[in-house]
């Protein structure tokens, strides 16, 4: 993220930053990709498991225990974070 400069001021000279265009849904969904893995509980036919998801929502896998899901993410060079 860039540090604001004087060129980022509103044309009227106010200290506020210029409004930025909204992020597209795709850009927002990929925020943090490809470095993050989101871990959340999921219900499977076998019972509760822990889903491992990419930033865009793609399921990468699942594990029977939370700590195993975190370990799998780390083994694949991803930074795991919990989703509540």
Foldseek 3Di string as FASTA:
>chain_A
DDDDDQVQDDPVSDPDGDDDDDDDLQCQQQVVPPAAWEWEWDQDPVGIWIWTAGSNGHTPGIGRDPVVSCVVQVVVNHHYDYDD
